[in-house]
Protein backbone atom coordinates (compact mmCIF):
# COMPACT_ATOMS: atom_id res chain seq x y z
CA MET A 1 -10.88 38.74 30.12
CA ALA A 2 -13.24 35.79 30.42
CA THR A 3 -13.88 36.69 34.06
CA LEU A 4 -15.00 40.17 33.04
CA LEU A 5 -17.36 38.77 30.42
CA ILE A 6 -18.86 36.31 32.89
CA ALA A 7 -19.35 39.07 35.46
CA ALA A 8 -20.89 41.36 32.84
CA GLY A 9 -23.27 38.56 31.82
CA GLN A 10 -24.31 38.03 35.44
CA ILE A 11 -24.98 41.72 35.89
CA GLN A 12 -27.01 41.83 32.68
CA GLN A 13 -29.11 38.89 33.84
CA GLY A 14 -29.87 40.76 37.03
CA ARG A 15 -30.85 43.88 35.15
CA GLU A 16 -33.13 41.85 32.92
CA ALA A 17 -34.76 40.19 35.93
CA ALA A 18 -35.36 43.61 37.51
CA ALA A 19 -36.84 44.93 34.24
CA GLU A 20 -39.10 41.88 34.04
CA GLY A 21 -40.29 42.54 37.58
CA ARG A 22 -41.05 46.18 36.81
CA SER A 23 -42.92 45.12 33.70
CA ALA A 24 -44.99 42.57 35.65
CA PHE A 25 -45.83 45.27 38.19
CA LYS A 26 -47.00 47.65 35.45
CA ILE A 27 -49.10 44.88 33.92
CA GLY A 28 -50.64 44.29 37.35
CA LEU A 29 -51.56 47.97 37.61
CA PHE A 30 -53.04 47.90 34.11
CA ASN A 31 -55.05 44.77 34.95
CA GLN A 32 -56.32 46.42 38.11
CA ALA A 33 -57.55 49.40 36.08
CA VAL A 34 -59.29 47.01 33.66
CA GLN A 35 -60.95 45.19 36.55
CA GLU A 36 -62.08 48.49 38.06
CA ARG A 37 -63.71 49.43 34.74
CA GLU A 38 -65.33 45.99 34.70
CA ALA A 39 -66.70 46.56 38.22
CA GLN A 40 -68.10 49.94 37.21
CA ALA A 41 -69.73 48.40 34.14
CA ILE A 42 -71.33 45.71 36.31
CA GLU A 43 -72.69 48.38 38.66
CA GLN A 44 -74.03 50.49 35.79
CA LYS A 45 -75.68 47.48 34.19
CA ALA A 46 -77.32 46.63 37.52
CA ALA A 47 -78.63 50.17 37.84
CA PHE A 48 -80.18 49.93 34.35
CA GLU A 49 -81.55 46.48 35.13
CA GLY A 50 -83.04 47.78 38.37
CA VAL A 51 -84.81 50.61 36.55
CA ARG A 52 -86.01 48.23 33.83
CA GLN A 53 -87.24 45.75 36.43
CA ALA A 54 -89.01 48.50 38.41
CA LYS A 55 -90.87 49.63 35.27
CA ALA A 56 -91.78 46.03 34.47
CA GLY A 57 -92.94 45.63 38.06
CA ARG A 58 -95.27 48.62 37.77
CA ARG A 59 -96.73 47.15 34.58
CA ILE A 60 -97.20 43.75 36.26
CA ARG A 61 -98.89 45.33 39.30
CA GLY A 62 -101.13 47.39 37.02
CA ALA A 63 -102.06 44.30 35.01
CA LEU A 64 -102.82 42.41 38.24
CA ARG A 65 -105.04 45.22 39.53
CA THR A 66 -106.82 45.35 36.16
CA GLN A 67 -107.44 41.60 36.20
CA LEU A 68 -108.68 41.72 39.77
CA ALA A 69 -110.95 44.69 39.02
CA THR A 70 -112.42 43.06 35.89
CA SER A 71 -113.08 39.88 37.85
CA GLY A 72 -115.32 41.85 40.16
CA ALA A 73 -113.14 41.42 43.24
CA GLU A 74 -113.00 44.29 45.67
CA LEU A 75 -109.52 45.87 45.48
CA GLY A 76 -107.47 46.48 48.62
CA THR A 77 -109.29 44.02 50.84
CA GLY A 78 -108.90 40.38 51.76
CA VAL A 79 -107.43 38.13 49.08
CA THR A 80 -106.85 40.93 46.58
CA ALA A 81 -104.77 42.89 49.08
CA SER A 82 -102.83 39.74 49.88
CA LEU A 83 -102.18 39.06 46.17
CA GLU A 84 -101.02 42.62 45.61
CA ALA A 85 -98.73 42.52 48.66
CA GLU A 86 -97.25 39.20 47.53
CA GLN A 87 -96.66 40.56 44.03
CA ILE A 88 -94.97 43.69 45.43
CA ALA A 89 -92.76 41.57 47.71
CA GLU A 90 -91.68 39.36 44.78
CA LEU A 91 -90.81 42.37 42.64
CA GLU A 92 -88.85 44.01 45.46
CA LEU A 93 -87.01 40.75 46.08
CA GLU A 94 -86.11 40.50 42.40
CA ASN A 95 -84.81 44.08 42.44
CA ALA A 96 -82.77 43.37 45.58
CA LEU A 97 -81.32 40.28 43.91
CA ILE A 98 -80.20 42.37 40.91
CA GLY A 99 -78.38 44.72 43.29
CA PHE A 100 -76.85 41.87 45.28
CA GLU A 101 -75.52 40.12 42.17
CA ALA A 102 -74.07 43.41 40.93
CA ARG A 103 -72.30 44.14 44.22
CA LYS A 104 -70.95 40.60 44.28
CA GLY A 105 -69.69 40.79 40.68
CA ALA A 106 -68.13 44.23 41.19
CA LYS A 107 -66.42 43.09 44.38
CA ARG A 108 -65.06 40.00 42.60
CA ALA A 109 -63.64 42.16 39.80
CA ARG A 110 -62.03 44.59 42.23
CA ARG A 111 -60.50 41.75 44.25
CA LYS A 112 -59.05 40.26 41.09
CA GLY A 113 -57.51 43.65 40.30
CA GLU A 114 -56.02 43.83 43.80
CA LEU A 115 -54.55 40.35 43.39
CA ASP A 116 -53.02 41.37 40.04
CA VAL A 117 -51.28 44.31 41.73
CA ILE A 118 -50.04 42.11 44.58
CA ALA A 119 -48.64 39.60 42.08
CA GLY A 120 -46.96 42.47 40.22
CA LYS A 121 -45.41 43.79 43.43
CA GLN A 122 -44.08 40.34 44.24
CA ALA A 123 -42.59 39.99 40.76
CA LYS A 124 -40.98 43.41 41.12
CA ARG A 125 -39.45 42.40 44.48
CA ARG A 126 -38.18 39.13 43.00
CA GLY A 127 -36.62 41.06 40.12
CA ARG A 128 -34.85 43.44 42.48
CA ALA A 129 -33.62 40.52 44.57
CA ALA A 130 -32.35 38.74 41.45
CA LYS A 131 -30.57 41.92 40.38
CA ARG A 132 -28.94 42.27 43.79
CA ALA A 133 -27.94 38.60 43.76
CA SER A 134 -26.45 38.95 40.29
CA PHE A 135 -24.30 41.90 41.40
CA ILE A 136 -23.09 39.89 44.39
CA LYS A 137 -22.40 36.88 42.18
CA ALA A 138 -20.55 39.06 39.66
CA GLY A 139 -18.46 40.54 42.47
CA GLY A 140 -17.58 37.04 43.64
CA THR A 141 -16.67 36.04 40.11
CA LEU A 142 -14.40 39.07 39.75
CA LEU A 143 -12.71 38.48 43.10
CA THR A 144 -12.14 34.81 42.28
CA GLY A 145 -10.82 35.68 38.85
CA PHE A 146 -8.47 38.33 40.16
CA ALA A 147 -7.21 36.06 42.93
CA THR A 148 -6.57 33.26 40.42
CA ALA A 149 -4.73 35.63 38.09
CA GLY A 150 -2.65 37.06 40.91
CA VAL A 151 -4.04 40.54 40.48
CA GLY A 152 -4.71 42.56 43.59
CA PRO A 153 -2.93 43.49 46.81
CA SER A 154 -0.01 41.39 47.95
CA PRO A 155 -0.71 39.29 51.01
CA VAL A 156 2.67 40.46 52.45
CA PRO A 157 2.90 44.13 53.44
CA ALA A 158 5.77 45.86 51.63
CA ASN A 159 6.97 47.72 54.72
CA ASP A 160 7.16 44.67 57.06
CA PRO A 161 10.84 43.50 57.09
CA LEU A 162 10.10 40.32 59.07
CA ALA A 163 7.40 39.21 56.65
CA LEU A 164 9.67 39.97 53.70
CA ALA A 165 12.52 37.97 55.27
CA LEU A 166 10.29 34.95 55.77
CA THR A 167 9.12 34.90 52.18
């Protein structure tokens, strides 16, 4: 009776390990979905920031042109053209940086989600392996218990007269 209880306990441990693995896998999938939403939010925020920065850039360029015009400088030539070109380049660089940071952040979030799924798959595999090992262990426990109790097939075939005579 004790052998059966031990075997049943081993099987239950294996089932619990497999359930834990499945649960970890589902959590990994959920975390991946959360990270994907995070990546999308980062990309949306960058798009809004890009639009906001572009509008601010137009205001800055307009203010620069106004200042240059009120100073009496001739617009579009010489130093004024160089100042305007430099200002435009700085604004474009700032906008490119917003996009770069967004792509980098979104990629980081997606990678984290992928790693969560990989970890979940590994946990699921470990759970299945633990379940399989527990069934094997329980089978060994049962065989050992039955052999110790003398239950099971006789080592001497019943229809072999020579073997029966020697026993």
